Amino acid sequence: MNYILKDENAVYYECGFSCDNELFIRLPDTAYFITDPRYTVEAKEQVKGAEVVEARDLFKAARSIFKKERIKKLFYDPKEFSCADLRALERSGIYLQPKRDLSWRKRIVKSEKEIELIRRSVELNAQAFSEFALFLRSAAGMSEAELVYEAKGFLSRRGKYELSFEPIFALNENAAKPHAYPTEKKLKKGDLILFDAGIKYERYCSDRTRTAYFDEQIDFVKEQRFADPKIRRAYDTVKKAQEAAIEGARSGMQAKQIDAIAREIIEKSEFAGSFVHSLGHGVGLDIHEMPFINTKNSQIIEDGMVFTIEPGIYIPGEFGIRIEDMVVMRNGRAEVL
C-alpha cells in the first residue's frame, strides 16, 4: 500500500525520527523522508529504512517523487493534512484515497519492545507519584496552580523527561470536572485530591490517575480513607468498577463490553449517571490512540493492545473520583503495567 504521512508520531513509528516539518512516503519497495535543511543532518543520522530528501518546498519534492516512481494512487489520513496540503499534492494528478486512522491502525497492537518502553514509562510515572505525595505532606496552603507547577518537576525529573499531557491536580468540587483546570484554591487537611499525570520515556507515554485524602500521611495508594461517608461510598464504587473491568477484560471481547463491566457497577449504585466519559483509551506514542474503550466501539480486543482503565464518578459542586491504570493484554487477559 502506498501512503503518505505528516504526523510526527506516525512518521517516527515508520523510520525512528521525526521533526516539525516533514513528509513521509511509503511505497512497496522504498520510502522517502522529506524535510527542510534545518533537519537534514539529524535526519540522515537517525532515519532508518528511508531515503532522506532535502527540500524547501516539501510538497513540490513529493510531487517529483510521485512522477519518478510513477505513483497513481496514495492513501493518507485526513486528520493529518489541511485542505491546502491536499491541493498541493493533487497538483501532481495523483489520486488521493482517504484512510482514517491509518497509522493508529498499524500501531494498535504493540511489539514486545514497545510494551517494555511503555512499562518503563509507567514505572517512572509511578515513582514520580510517590515522590510528589511526600512533597504534598508539607504543602498545605499551596494552590492547585502552584501544585501543578511543582508536580511537573517531579514528573519530568526536572526536565529529563517530557510530559504526556498537562497534569490535572484538582481539589474537592473542582475534581468533579474530569479535565479540571487548576485554580487558586488552597490545599488544606481533609481535602480530596484528584491527580492525573503521565510522562514520556523514549517517546512512549504513560497515564495514571489517583484520588486521595489529604493529610500529613497522604499517599497515592488505592486504599484510601475518606471522612465523608458519601465520598467513601463513591470511592469504593469506582475502585470496585475498575477492579472488575481489569479482571473481566479478555482478548476477543469488543471494547464496549469491557466498558460495560465497569459502567454497570456504577449505574447500579446510588451514583447512576455520574460516569460521564469512556472507560479508557489506547496509549503509545500518542497519549490517546486506539483502541478506545467506550460504549459504542465494537473493536475486537487483541493480545498486545495497551490501554487505560479509568472509571470515574463526578458529582458537580461536590467532588470527583477517578482511578486509572494502564494495562496490556497478555495471554487473553489484562495485565496491569
C-alpha atoms as a PDB file:
ATOM      1  CA  MET A   1       0.000   0.000   0.000  1.00  0.00           C
ATOM      2  CA  ASN A   2       1.326   3.429  -0.982  1.00  0.00           C
ATOM      3  CA  TYR A   3       0.724   6.094   1.653  1.00  0.00           C
ATOM      4  CA  ILE A   4       1.903   9.475   2.867  1.00  0.00           C
ATOM      5  CA  LEU A   5       2.232  10.686   6.473  1.00  0.00           C
ATOM      6  CA  LYS A   6       2.772  14.047   8.122  1.00  0.00           C
ATOM      7  CA  ASP A   7       2.059  13.493  11.838  1.00  0.00           C
ATOM      8  CA  GLU A   8       5.271  13.389  13.898  1.00  0.00           C
ATOM      9  CA  ASN A   9       4.464  10.253  15.884  1.00  0.00           C
ATOM     10  CA  ALA A  10       3.204   8.447  12.799  1.00  0.00           C
ATOM     11  CA  VAL A  11       6.451   9.249  10.972  1.00  0.00           C
ATOM     12  CA  TYR A  12       8.611   8.329  13.982  1.00  0.00           C
ATOM     13  CA  TYR A  13       6.935   4.912  14.096  1.00  0.00           C
ATOM     14  CA  GLU A  14       7.925   4.325  10.469  1.00  0.00           C
ATOM     15  CA  CYS A  15      11.562   5.409  10.498  1.00  0.00           C
ATOM     16  CA  GLY A  16      12.752   6.284  14.017  1.00  0.00           C
ATOM     17  CA  PHE A  17      12.944  10.043  13.502  1.00  0.00           C
ATOM     18  CA  SER A  18      10.553  12.957  13.093  1.00  0.00           C
ATOM     19  CA  CYS A  19      10.512  16.743  13.203  1.00  0.00           C
ATOM     20  CA  ASP A  20       8.003  19.563  12.882  1.00  0.00           C
ATOM     21  CA  ASN A  21       8.358  19.928   9.098  1.00  0.00           C
ATOM     22  CA  GLU A  22       8.296  16.625   7.252  1.00  0.00           C
ATOM     23  CA  LEU A  23       6.546  14.313   4.837  1.00  0.00           C
ATOM     24  CA  PHE A  24       6.997  10.558   4.760  1.00  0.00           C
ATOM     25  CA  ILE A  25       6.126   8.462   1.720  1.00  0.00           C
ATOM     26  CA  ARG A  26       5.939   4.676   1.988  1.00  0.00           C
ATOM     27  CA  LEU A  27       5.986   2.600  -1.192  1.00  0.00           C
ATOM     28  CA  PRO A  28       6.143  -1.204  -1.522  1.00  0.00           C
ATOM     29  CA  ASP A  29       9.913  -1.309  -2.109  1.00  0.00           C
ATOM     30  CA  THR A  30      11.179   2.008  -0.772  1.00  0.00           C
ATOM     31  CA  ALA A  31      10.387   5.025   1.417  1.00  0.00           C
ATOM     32  CA  TYR A  32      11.214   8.733   1.494  1.00  0.00           C
ATOM     33  CA  PHE A  33      11.624  11.153   4.390  1.00  0.00           C
ATOM     34  CA  ILE A  34      11.324  14.723   3.119  1.00  0.00           C
ATOM     35  CA  THR A  35      12.364  17.675   5.276  1.00  0.00           C
ATOM     36  CA  ASP A  36      13.987  21.100   5.041  1.00  0.00           C
ATOM     37  CA  PRO A  37      17.684  21.989   5.525  1.00  0.00           C
ATOM     38  CA  ARG A  38      17.251  22.632   9.266  1.00  0.00           C
ATOM     39  CA  TYR A  39      16.771  18.913   9.920  1.00  0.00           C
ATOM     40  CA  THR A  40      18.614  17.014   7.198  1.00  0.00           C
ATOM     41  CA  VAL A  41      21.829  16.381   9.170  1.00  0.00           C
ATOM     42  CA  GLU A  42      19.928  14.793  12.055  1.00  0.00           C
ATOM     43  CA  ALA A  43      17.587  13.020   9.675  1.00  0.00           C
ATOM     44  CA  LYS A  44      20.467  11.393   7.786  1.00  0.00           C
ATOM     45  CA  GLU A  45      21.934  10.251  11.113  1.00  0.00           C
ATOM     46  CA  GLN A  46      18.718   8.824  12.553  1.00  0.00           C
ATOM     47  CA  VAL A  47      16.228   7.897   9.818  1.00  0.00           C
ATOM     48  CA  LYS A  48      16.073   4.136   9.242  1.00  0.00           C
ATOM     49  CA  GLY A  49      14.778   2.433   6.120  1.00  0.00           C
ATOM     50  CA  ALA A  50      14.071   5.566   4.084  1.00  0.00           C
ATOM     51  CA  GLU A  51      15.896   7.940   1.763  1.00  0.00           C
ATOM     52  CA  VAL A  52      16.261  11.446   3.205  1.00  0.00           C
ATOM     53  CA  VAL A  53      15.277  14.157   0.734  1.00  0.00           C
ATOM     54  CA  GLU A  54      16.145  17.789   1.469  1.00  0.00           C
ATOM     55  CA  ALA A  55      13.714  20.368   0.113  1.00  0.00           C
ATOM     56  CA  ARG A  56      12.480  23.845   0.930  1.00  0.00           C
ATOM     57  CA  ASP A  57       9.112  23.026  -0.638  1.00  0.00           C
ATOM     58  CA  LEU A  58       8.166  19.613   0.746  1.00  0.00           C
ATOM     59  CA  PHE A  59       5.112  19.144  -1.430  1.00  0.00           C
ATOM     60  CA  LYS A  60       6.992  20.017  -4.617  1.00  0.00           C
ATOM     61  CA  ALA A  61       9.558  17.371  -3.660  1.00  0.00           C
ATOM     62  CA  ALA A  62       6.756  14.891  -3.011  1.00  0.00           C
ATOM     63  CA  ARG A  63       5.278  15.556  -6.458  1.00  0.00           C
ATOM     64  CA  SER A  64       8.685  14.872  -8.027  1.00  0.00           C
ATOM     65  CA  ILE A  65       8.819  11.529  -6.235  1.00  0.00           C
ATOM     66  CA  PHE A  66       5.318  10.665  -7.438  1.00  0.00           C
ATOM     67  CA  LYS A  67       6.421  11.328 -11.017  1.00  0.00           C
ATOM     68  CA  LYS A  68       9.718   9.430 -10.669  1.00  0.00           C
ATOM     69  CA  GLU A  69       8.040   6.415  -9.035  1.00  0.00           C
ATOM     70  CA  ARG A  70       5.001   6.590 -11.350  1.00  0.00           C
ATOM     71  CA  ILE A  71       2.597   6.588  -8.413  1.00  0.00           C
ATOM     72  CA  LYS A  72      -1.046   6.822  -9.427  1.00  0.00           C
ATOM     73  CA  LYS A  73      -2.765   6.331  -6.058  1.00  0.00           C
ATOM     74  CA  LEU A  74      -1.812   7.257  -2.500  1.00  0.00           C
ATOM     75  CA  PHE A  75      -3.519   6.723   0.856  1.00  0.00           C
ATOM     76  CA  TYR A  76      -3.498   9.428   3.518  1.00  0.00           C
ATOM     77  CA  ASP A  77      -5.099  10.125   6.895  1.00  0.00           C
ATOM     78  CA  PRO A  78      -7.432  13.135   6.511  1.00  0.00           C
ATOM     79  CA  LYS A  79      -6.716  14.169  10.119  1.00  0.00           C
ATOM     80  CA  GLU A  80      -3.082  14.909   9.226  1.00  0.00           C
ATOM     81  CA  PHE A  81      -3.479  17.130   6.164  1.00  0.00           C
ATOM     82  CA  SER A  82      -5.033  20.559   5.628  1.00  0.00           C
ATOM     83  CA  CYS A  83      -7.036  21.475   2.537  1.00  0.00           C
ATOM     84  CA  ALA A  84      -4.022  23.437   1.287  1.00  0.00           C
ATOM     85  CA  ASP A  85      -1.816  20.373   1.767  1.00  0.00           C
ATOM     86  CA  LEU A  86      -4.175  18.215  -0.264  1.00  0.00           C
ATOM     87  CA  ARG A  87      -4.391  20.764  -3.057  1.00  0.00           C
ATOM     88  CA  ALA A  88      -0.579  20.831  -3.194  1.00  0.00           C
ATOM     89  CA  LEU A  89      -0.485  17.041  -3.513  1.00  0.00           C
ATOM     90  CA  GLU A  90      -3.322  16.865  -6.052  1.00  0.00           C
ATOM     91  CA  ARG A  91      -1.393  19.130  -8.429  1.00  0.00           C
ATOM     92  CA  SER A  92       0.568  16.029  -9.396  1.00  0.00           C
ATOM     93  CA  GLY A  93      -2.609  14.437 -10.780  1.00  0.00           C
ATOM     94  CA  ILE A  94      -2.341  11.591  -8.273  1.00  0.00           C
ATOM     95  CA  TYR A  95      -5.493  10.010  -6.818  1.00  0.00           C
ATOM     96  CA  LEU A  96      -5.589  10.543  -3.053  1.00  0.00           C
ATOM     97  CA  GLN A  97      -7.554   7.936  -1.088  1.00  0.00           C
ATOM     98  CA  PRO A  98      -8.513   8.905   2.497  1.00  0.00           C
ATOM     99  CA  LYS A  99      -7.914   6.239   5.137  1.00  0.00           C
ATOM    100  CA  ARG A 100      -8.801   7.497   8.588  1.00  0.00           C
ATOM    101  CA  ASP A 101      -6.503   6.492  11.462  1.00  0.00           C
ATOM    102  CA  LEU A 102      -4.050   4.918   9.026  1.00  0.00           C
ATOM    103  CA  SER A 103      -1.094   4.995  11.433  1.00  0.00           C
ATOM    104  CA  TRP A 104      -3.117   4.267  14.579  1.00  0.00           C
ATOM    105  CA  ARG A 105      -4.425   1.080  12.959  1.00  0.00           C
ATOM    106  CA  LYS A 106      -0.867  -0.058  12.235  1.00  0.00           C
ATOM    107  CA  ARG A 107       0.214   0.717  15.811  1.00  0.00           C
ATOM    108  CA  ILE A 108      -2.766  -0.689  17.717  1.00  0.00           C
ATOM    109  CA  VAL A 109      -1.008  -3.969  18.636  1.00  0.00           C
ATOM    110  CA  LYS A 110       2.264  -3.181  20.361  1.00  0.00           C
ATOM    111  CA  SER A 111       5.506  -5.089  19.853  1.00  0.00           C
ATOM    112  CA  GLU A 112       7.376  -6.538  22.838  1.00  0.00           C
ATOM    113  CA  LYS A 113       9.904  -3.706  22.566  1.00  0.00           C
ATOM    114  CA  GLU A 114       7.114  -1.116  22.654  1.00  0.00           C
ATOM    115  CA  ILE A 115       5.470  -2.802  25.636  1.00  0.00           C
ATOM    116  CA  GLU A 116       8.730  -2.675  27.591  1.00  0.00           C
ATOM    117  CA  LEU A 117       9.222   1.010  26.758  1.00  0.00           C
ATOM    118  CA  ILE A 118       5.664   1.724  27.893  1.00  0.00           C
ATOM    119  CA  ARG A 119       6.215  -0.336  31.041  1.00  0.00           C
ATOM    120  CA  ARG A 120       9.292   1.742  31.903  1.00  0.00           C
ATOM    121  CA  SER A 121       7.322   4.927  31.288  1.00  0.00           C
ATOM    122  CA  VAL A 122       4.622   3.670  33.674  1.00  0.00           C
ATOM    123  CA  GLU A 123       7.213   2.746  36.329  1.00  0.00           C
ATOM    124  CA  LEU A 124       8.881   6.156  36.198  1.00  0.00           C
ATOM    125  CA  ASN A 125       5.486   7.838  36.374  1.00  0.00           C
ATOM    126  CA  ALA A 126       4.512   5.808  39.449  1.00  0.00           C
ATOM    127  CA  GLN A 127       7.802   6.749  41.130  1.00  0.00           C
ATOM    128  CA  ALA A 128       7.045  10.411  40.473  1.00  0.00           C
ATOM    129  CA  PHE A 129       3.595   9.998  42.042  1.00  0.00           C
ATOM    130  CA  SER A 130       5.204   8.607  45.214  1.00  0.00           C
ATOM    131  CA  GLU A 131       7.791  11.388  45.397  1.00  0.00           C
ATOM    132  CA  PHE A 132       5.121  14.036  44.809  1.00  0.00           C
ATOM    133  CA  ALA A 133       2.981  12.538  47.584  1.00  0.00           C
ATOM    134  CA  LEU A 134       5.881  13.001  50.020  1.00  0.00           C
ATOM    135  CA  PHE A 135       6.182  16.618  48.939  1.00  0.00           C
ATOM    136  CA  LEU A 136       2.440  17.151  49.438  1.00  0.00           C
ATOM    137  CA  ARG A 137       2.668  16.158  53.091  1.00  0.00           C
ATOM    138  CA  SER A 138       4.106  19.584  53.832  1.00  0.00           C
ATOM    139  CA  ALA A 139       2.320  21.513  51.052  1.00  0.00           C
ATOM    140  CA  ALA A 140      -0.795  22.708  52.903  1.00  0.00           C
ATOM    141  CA  GLY A 141      -1.618  26.253  51.902  1.00  0.00           C
ATOM    142  CA  MET A 142      -0.351  25.946  48.336  1.00  0.00           C
ATOM    143  CA  SER A 143      -2.812  26.471  45.494  1.00  0.00           C
ATOM    144  CA  GLU A 144      -3.844  23.993  42.806  1.00  0.00           C
ATOM    145  CA  ALA A 145      -1.960  26.101  40.252  1.00  0.00           C
ATOM    146  CA  GLU A 146       1.222  26.110  42.352  1.00  0.00           C
ATOM    147  CA  LEU A 147       0.963  22.370  42.905  1.00  0.00           C
ATOM    148  CA  VAL A 148       0.586  21.648  39.176  1.00  0.00           C
ATOM    149  CA  TYR A 149       3.832  23.576  38.680  1.00  0.00           C
ATOM    150  CA  GLU A 150       5.560  21.579  41.414  1.00  0.00           C
ATOM    151  CA  ALA A 151       4.191  18.280  40.065  1.00  0.00           C
ATOM    152  CA  LYS A 152       5.796  18.911  36.679  1.00  0.00           C
ATOM    153  CA  GLY A 153       9.221  18.970  38.303  1.00  0.00           C
ATOM    154  CA  PHE A 154       8.724  15.581  39.957  1.00  0.00           C
ATOM    155  CA  LEU A 155       7.231  14.051  36.815  1.00  0.00           C
ATOM    156  CA  SER A 156       9.910  15.289  34.429  1.00  0.00           C
ATOM    157  CA  ARG A 157      12.811  14.747  36.864  1.00  0.00           C
ATOM    158  CA  ARG A 158      13.438  18.473  36.482  1.00  0.00           C
ATOM    159  CA  GLY A 159      13.343  18.331  32.707  1.00  0.00           C
ATOM    160  CA  LYS A 160      14.815  14.898  31.979  1.00  0.00           C
ATOM    161  CA  TYR A 161      11.503  13.575  30.612  1.00  0.00           C
ATOM    162  CA  GLU A 162       8.719  15.181  28.619  1.00  0.00           C
ATOM    163  CA  LEU A 163       5.169  15.013  29.967  1.00  0.00           C
ATOM    164  CA  SER A 164       2.453  13.042  28.204  1.00  0.00           C
ATOM    165  CA  PHE A 165      -0.025  15.888  28.839  1.00  0.00           C
ATOM    166  CA  GLU A 166      -0.649  18.820  31.179  1.00  0.00           C
ATOM    167  CA  PRO A 167      -1.159  17.311  34.658  1.00  0.00           C
ATOM    168  CA  ILE A 168      -4.520  17.598  36.404  1.00  0.00           C
ATOM    169  CA  PHE A 169      -4.454  18.480  40.106  1.00  0.00           C
ATOM    170  CA  ALA A 170      -7.934  19.198  41.418  1.00  0.00           C
ATOM    171  CA  LEU A 171      -9.425  19.574  44.901  1.00  0.00           C
ATOM    172  CA  ASN A 172     -12.913  18.709  46.124  1.00  0.00           C
ATOM    173  CA  GLU A 173     -15.570  20.269  43.848  1.00  0.00           C
ATOM    174  CA  ASN A 174     -13.011  21.112  41.143  1.00  0.00           C
ATOM    175  CA  ALA A 175     -12.329  17.366  40.837  1.00  0.00           C
ATOM    176  CA  ALA A 176     -15.919  16.979  39.605  1.00  0.00           C
ATOM    177  CA  LYS A 177     -14.648  18.335  36.267  1.00  0.00           C
ATOM    178  CA  PRO A 178     -12.897  15.362  34.590  1.00  0.00           C
ATOM    179  CA  HIS A 179     -10.344  17.640  32.868  1.00  0.00           C
ATOM    180  CA  ALA A 180     -10.247  20.360  35.520  1.00  0.00           C
ATOM    181  CA  TYR A 181      -8.101  23.467  35.114  1.00  0.00           C
ATOM    182  CA  PRO A 182      -6.128  24.460  38.232  1.00  0.00           C
ATOM    183  CA  THR A 183      -7.433  27.303  40.377  1.00  0.00           C
ATOM    184  CA  GLU A 184      -6.086  29.391  43.261  1.00  0.00           C
ATOM    185  CA  LYS A 185      -7.949  27.160  45.739  1.00  0.00           C
ATOM    186  CA  LYS A 186      -5.593  26.288  48.621  1.00  0.00           C
ATOM    187  CA  LEU A 187      -4.808  22.775  49.794  1.00  0.00           C
ATOM    188  CA  LYS A 188      -5.938  22.014  53.365  1.00  0.00           C
ATOM    189  CA  LYS A 189      -6.275  18.980  55.605  1.00  0.00           C
ATOM    190  CA  GLY A 190      -9.264  16.806  54.766  1.00  0.00           C
ATOM    191  CA  ASP A 191      -9.360  17.785  51.084  1.00  0.00           C
ATOM    192  CA  LEU A 192      -9.988  15.269  48.321  1.00  0.00           C
ATOM    193  CA  ILE A 193      -7.218  15.348  45.714  1.00  0.00           C
ATOM    194  CA  LEU A 194      -7.565  14.055  42.155  1.00  0.00           C
ATOM    195  CA  PHE A 195      -4.180  13.811  40.411  1.00  0.00           C
ATOM    196  CA  ASP A 196      -3.873  12.699  36.769  1.00  0.00           C
ATOM    197  CA  ALA A 197      -0.462  12.762  35.088  1.00  0.00           C
ATOM    198  CA  GLY A 198       1.926  10.966  32.760  1.00  0.00           C
ATOM    199  CA  ILE A 199       5.416  11.135  31.293  1.00  0.00           C
ATOM    200  CA  LYS A 200       7.150  10.019  28.115  1.00  0.00           C
ATOM    201  CA  TYR A 201      10.014   7.552  28.079  1.00  0.00           C
ATOM    202  CA  GLU A 202      11.768   7.354  24.706  1.00  0.00           C
ATOM    203  CA  ARG A 203       8.608   8.981  23.309  1.00  0.00           C
ATOM    204  CA  TYR A 204       6.208   6.363  24.729  1.00  0.00           C
ATOM    205  CA  CYS A 205       3.528   7.739  27.043  1.00  0.00           C
ATOM    206  CA  SER A 206       2.147   6.764  30.426  1.00  0.00           C
ATOM    207  CA  ASP A 207      -1.105   7.842  32.079  1.00  0.00           C
ATOM    208  CA  ARG A 208      -2.228   7.389  35.691  1.00  0.00           C
ATOM    209  CA  THR A 209      -4.886   8.864  37.979  1.00  0.00           C
ATOM    210  CA  ARG A 210      -5.260   8.597  41.731  1.00  0.00           C
ATOM    211  CA  THR A 211      -7.784  10.114  44.123  1.00  0.00           C
ATOM    212  CA  ALA A 212      -6.566  10.597  47.674  1.00  0.00           C
ATOM    213  CA  TYR A 213      -7.457  12.036  51.085  1.00  0.00           C
ATOM    214  CA  PHE A 214      -5.127  14.833  52.118  1.00  0.00           C
ATOM    215  CA  ASP A 215      -3.424  14.752  55.495  1.00  0.00           C
ATOM    216  CA  GLU A 216       0.150  14.525  56.782  1.00  0.00           C
ATOM    217  CA  GLN A 217       0.310  10.865  55.672  1.00  0.00           C
ATOM    218  CA  ILE A 218      -1.032  11.264  52.115  1.00  0.00           C
ATOM    219  CA  ASP A 219      -0.050   8.583  49.633  1.00  0.00           C
ATOM    220  CA  PHE A 220      -1.404   7.738  46.182  1.00  0.00           C
ATOM    221  CA  VAL A 221      -2.215   4.127  47.039  1.00  0.00           C
ATOM    222  CA  LYS A 222      -5.573   2.660  46.093  1.00  0.00           C
ATOM    223  CA  GLU A 223      -6.616   2.035  49.691  1.00  0.00           C
ATOM    224  CA  GLN A 224      -7.935   5.408  50.858  1.00  0.00           C
ATOM    225  CA  ARG A 225      -9.883   6.542  53.902  1.00  0.00           C
ATOM    226  CA  PHE A 226     -12.293   9.430  53.492  1.00  0.00           C
ATOM    227  CA  ALA A 227     -14.106  11.049  56.416  1.00  0.00           C
ATOM    228  CA  ASP A 228     -17.190  11.904  54.354  1.00  0.00           C
ATOM    229  CA  PRO A 229     -19.378   8.762  54.031  1.00  0.00           C
ATOM    230  CA  LYS A 230     -20.735   9.758  50.600  1.00  0.00           C
ATOM    231  CA  ILE A 231     -17.225  10.227  49.218  1.00  0.00           C
ATOM    232  CA  ARG A 232     -16.201   6.931  50.801  1.00  0.00           C
ATOM    233  CA  ARG A 233     -19.077   5.090  49.125  1.00  0.00           C
ATOM    234  CA  ALA A 234     -18.310   6.715  45.769  1.00  0.00           C
ATOM    235  CA  TYR A 235     -14.626   5.857  46.037  1.00  0.00           C
ATOM    236  CA  ASP A 236     -15.369   2.235  46.891  1.00  0.00           C
ATOM    237  CA  THR A 237     -17.743   2.061  43.898  1.00  0.00           C
ATOM    238  CA  VAL A 238     -15.130   3.406  41.481  1.00  0.00           C
ATOM    239  CA  LYS A 239     -12.495   1.052  42.864  1.00  0.00           C
ATOM    240  CA  LYS A 240     -14.840  -1.919  42.536  1.00  0.00           C
ATOM    241  CA  ALA A 241     -15.700  -0.924  38.945  1.00  0.00           C
ATOM    242  CA  GLN A 242     -12.060  -0.587  37.969  1.00  0.00           C
ATOM    243  CA  GLU A 243     -11.046  -3.892  39.519  1.00  0.00           C
ATOM    244  CA  ALA A 244     -13.961  -5.678  37.859  1.00  0.00           C
ATOM    245  CA  ALA A 245     -13.068  -4.296  34.424  1.00  0.00           C
ATOM    246  CA  ILE A 246      -9.406  -5.286  34.803  1.00  0.00           C
ATOM    247  CA  GLU A 247     -10.349  -8.759  35.994  1.00  0.00           C
ATOM    248  CA  GLY A 248     -13.067  -9.245  33.373  1.00  0.00           C
ATOM    249  CA  ALA A 249     -11.258  -7.934  30.274  1.00  0.00           C
ATOM    250  CA  ARG A 250     -10.484 -10.647  27.725  1.00  0.00           C
ATOM    251  CA  SER A 251      -8.919 -10.725  24.300  1.00  0.00           C
ATOM    252  CA  GLY A 252     -11.693 -11.413  21.799  1.00  0.00           C
ATOM    253  CA  MET A 253     -14.152  -9.131  23.579  1.00  0.00           C
ATOM    254  CA  GLN A 254     -15.418  -5.951  21.981  1.00  0.00           C
ATOM    255  CA  ALA A 255     -14.095  -2.751  23.533  1.00  0.00           C
ATOM    256  CA  LYS A 256     -17.607  -1.727  24.523  1.00  0.00           C
ATOM    257  CA  GLN A 257     -18.048  -4.949  26.502  1.00  0.00           C
ATOM    258  CA  ILE A 258     -15.124  -4.001  28.752  1.00  0.00           C
ATOM    259  CA  ASP A 259     -16.616  -0.541  29.227  1.00  0.00           C
ATOM    260  CA  ALA A 260     -19.917  -2.174  30.171  1.00  0.00           C
ATOM    261  CA  ILE A 261     -18.330  -4.175  33.007  1.00  0.00           C
ATOM    262  CA  ALA A 262     -17.344  -1.042  34.908  1.00  0.00           C
ATOM    263  CA  ARG A 263     -20.297   1.078  33.823  1.00  0.00           C
ATOM    264  CA  GLU A 264     -22.851  -1.453  35.041  1.00  0.00           C
ATOM    265  CA  ILE A 265     -21.422  -1.366  38.574  1.00  0.00           C
ATOM    266  CA  ILE A 266     -21.640   2.421  38.727  1.00  0.00           C
ATOM    267  CA  GLU A 267     -25.083   2.537  37.110  1.00  0.00           C
ATOM    268  CA  LYS A 268     -26.467   0.071  39.658  1.00  0.00           C
ATOM    269  CA  SER A 269     -25.140   2.163  42.549  1.00  0.00           C
ATOM    270  CA  GLU A 270     -26.564   5.349  44.070  1.00  0.00           C
ATOM    271  CA  PHE A 271     -24.259   7.230  41.680  1.00  0.00           C
ATOM    272  CA  ALA A 272     -26.016   6.249  38.439  1.00  0.00           C
ATOM    273  CA  GLY A 273     -25.470   8.783  35.670  1.00  0.00           C
ATOM    274  CA  SER A 274     -22.269  10.172  37.181  1.00  0.00           C
ATOM    275  CA  PHE A 275     -19.769   8.275  34.985  1.00  0.00           C
ATOM    276  CA  VAL A 276     -19.579  10.776  32.134  1.00  0.00           C
ATOM    277  CA  HIS A 277     -16.655   9.621  29.975  1.00  0.00           C
ATOM    278  CA  SER A 278     -15.377   6.453  28.338  1.00  0.00           C
ATOM    279  CA  LEU A 279     -13.669   3.742  30.370  1.00  0.00           C
ATOM    280  CA  GLY A 280     -10.341   4.094  28.629  1.00  0.00           C
ATOM    281  CA  HIS A 281      -8.159   4.714  25.601  1.00  0.00           C
ATOM    282  CA  GLY A 282      -5.115   3.274  23.945  1.00  0.00           C
ATOM    283  CA  VAL A 283      -1.704   4.674  24.880  1.00  0.00           C
ATOM    284  CA  GLY A 284       1.549   4.529  22.934  1.00  0.00           C
ATOM    285  CA  LEU A 285       3.407   7.222  21.043  1.00  0.00           C
ATOM    286  CA  ASP A 286       0.207   9.270  21.431  1.00  0.00           C
ATOM    287  CA  ILE A 287      -1.460   9.707  24.798  1.00  0.00           C
ATOM    288  CA  HIS A 288      -4.819   8.967  23.166  1.00  0.00           C
ATOM    289  CA  GLU A 289      -4.863   6.371  20.403  1.00  0.00           C
ATOM    290  CA  MET A 290      -6.608   3.128  19.502  1.00  0.00           C
ATOM    291  CA  PRO A 291      -8.284   1.161  20.995  1.00  0.00           C
ATOM    292  CA  PHE A 292     -10.932   3.424  22.547  1.00  0.00           C
ATOM    293  CA  ILE A 293     -12.778   1.634  25.349  1.00  0.00           C
ATOM    294  CA  ASN A 294     -16.220   3.222  25.218  1.00  0.00           C
ATOM    295  CA  THR A 295     -19.904   2.365  24.973  1.00  0.00           C
ATOM    296  CA  LYS A 296     -20.022   2.299  21.154  1.00  0.00           C
ATOM    297  CA  ASN A 297     -16.723   0.801  19.985  1.00  0.00           C
ATOM    298  CA  SER A 298     -17.024  -2.714  18.519  1.00  0.00           C
ATOM    299  CA  GLN A 299     -13.244  -3.044  18.053  1.00  0.00           C
ATOM    300  CA  ILE A 300     -12.110  -6.563  18.961  1.00  0.00           C
ATOM    301  CA  ILE A 301      -9.513  -6.502  21.726  1.00  0.00           C
ATOM    302  CA  GLU A 302      -6.323  -8.452  20.990  1.00  0.00           C
ATOM    303  CA  ASP A 303      -3.210  -9.501  22.860  1.00  0.00           C
ATOM    304  CA  GLY A 304      -0.594  -6.759  22.655  1.00  0.00           C
ATOM    305  CA  MET A 305      -3.052  -3.885  22.921  1.00  0.00           C
ATOM    306  CA  VAL A 306      -2.291  -1.327  25.631  1.00  0.00           C
ATOM    307  CA  PHE A 307      -4.986   0.900  27.104  1.00  0.00           C
ATOM    308  CA  THR A 308      -6.203   2.626  30.247  1.00  0.00           C
ATOM    309  CA  ILE A 309      -8.997   1.530  32.559  1.00  0.00           C
ATOM    310  CA  GLU A 310     -10.249   4.646  34.343  1.00  0.00           C
ATOM    311  CA  PRO A 311     -13.823   4.706  35.639  1.00  0.00           C
ATOM    312  CA  GLY A 312     -14.998   7.790  37.494  1.00  0.00           C
ATOM    313  CA  ILE A 313     -17.817   9.334  39.486  1.00  0.00           C
ATOM    314  CA  TYR A 314     -18.391  13.095  39.269  1.00  0.00           C
ATOM    315  CA  ILE A 315     -20.859  14.997  41.451  1.00  0.00           C
ATOM    316  CA  PRO A 316     -20.931  18.651  40.286  1.00  0.00           C
ATOM    317  CA  GLY A 317     -20.343  21.125  43.074  1.00  0.00           C
ATOM    318  CA  GLU A 318     -19.197  18.385  45.466  1.00  0.00           C
ATOM    319  CA  PHE A 319     -16.376  16.077  44.347  1.00  0.00           C
ATOM    320  CA  GLY A 320     -14.960  13.857  41.621  1.00  0.00           C
ATOM    321  CA  ILE A 321     -13.234  10.485  41.829  1.00  0.00           C
ATOM    322  CA  ARG A 322     -11.216   8.646  39.185  1.00  0.00           C
ATOM    323  CA  ILE A 323      -8.826   5.702  39.434  1.00  0.00           C
ATOM    324  CA  GLU A 324      -6.733   4.921  36.369  1.00  0.00           C
ATOM    325  CA  ASP A 325      -4.172   2.289  35.461  1.00  0.00           C
ATOM    326  CA  MET A 326      -2.711   1.142  32.171  1.00  0.00           C
ATOM    327  CA  VAL A 327      -2.980  -2.492  31.109  1.00  0.00           C
ATOM    328  CA  VAL A 328      -1.554  -4.673  28.355  1.00  0.00           C
ATOM    329  CA  MET A 329      -3.460  -7.677  27.052  1.00  0.00           C
ATOM    330  CA  ARG A 330      -1.360 -10.822  27.537  1.00  0.00           C
ATOM    331  CA  ASN A 331      -2.459 -14.424  27.164  1.00  0.00           C
ATOM    332  CA  GLY A 332      -6.024 -13.237  26.789  1.00  0.00           C
ATOM    333  CA  ARG A 333      -6.201 -11.170  29.974  1.00  0.00           C
ATOM    334  CA  ALA A 334      -5.394  -7.663  31.194  1.00  0.00           C
ATOM    335  CA  GLU A 335      -2.047  -7.275  32.958  1.00  0.00           C
ATOM    336  CA  VAL A 336      -1.629  -4.042  34.921  1.00  0.00           C
ATOM    337  CA  LEU A 337       1.524  -2.270  33.788  1.00  0.00           C
END
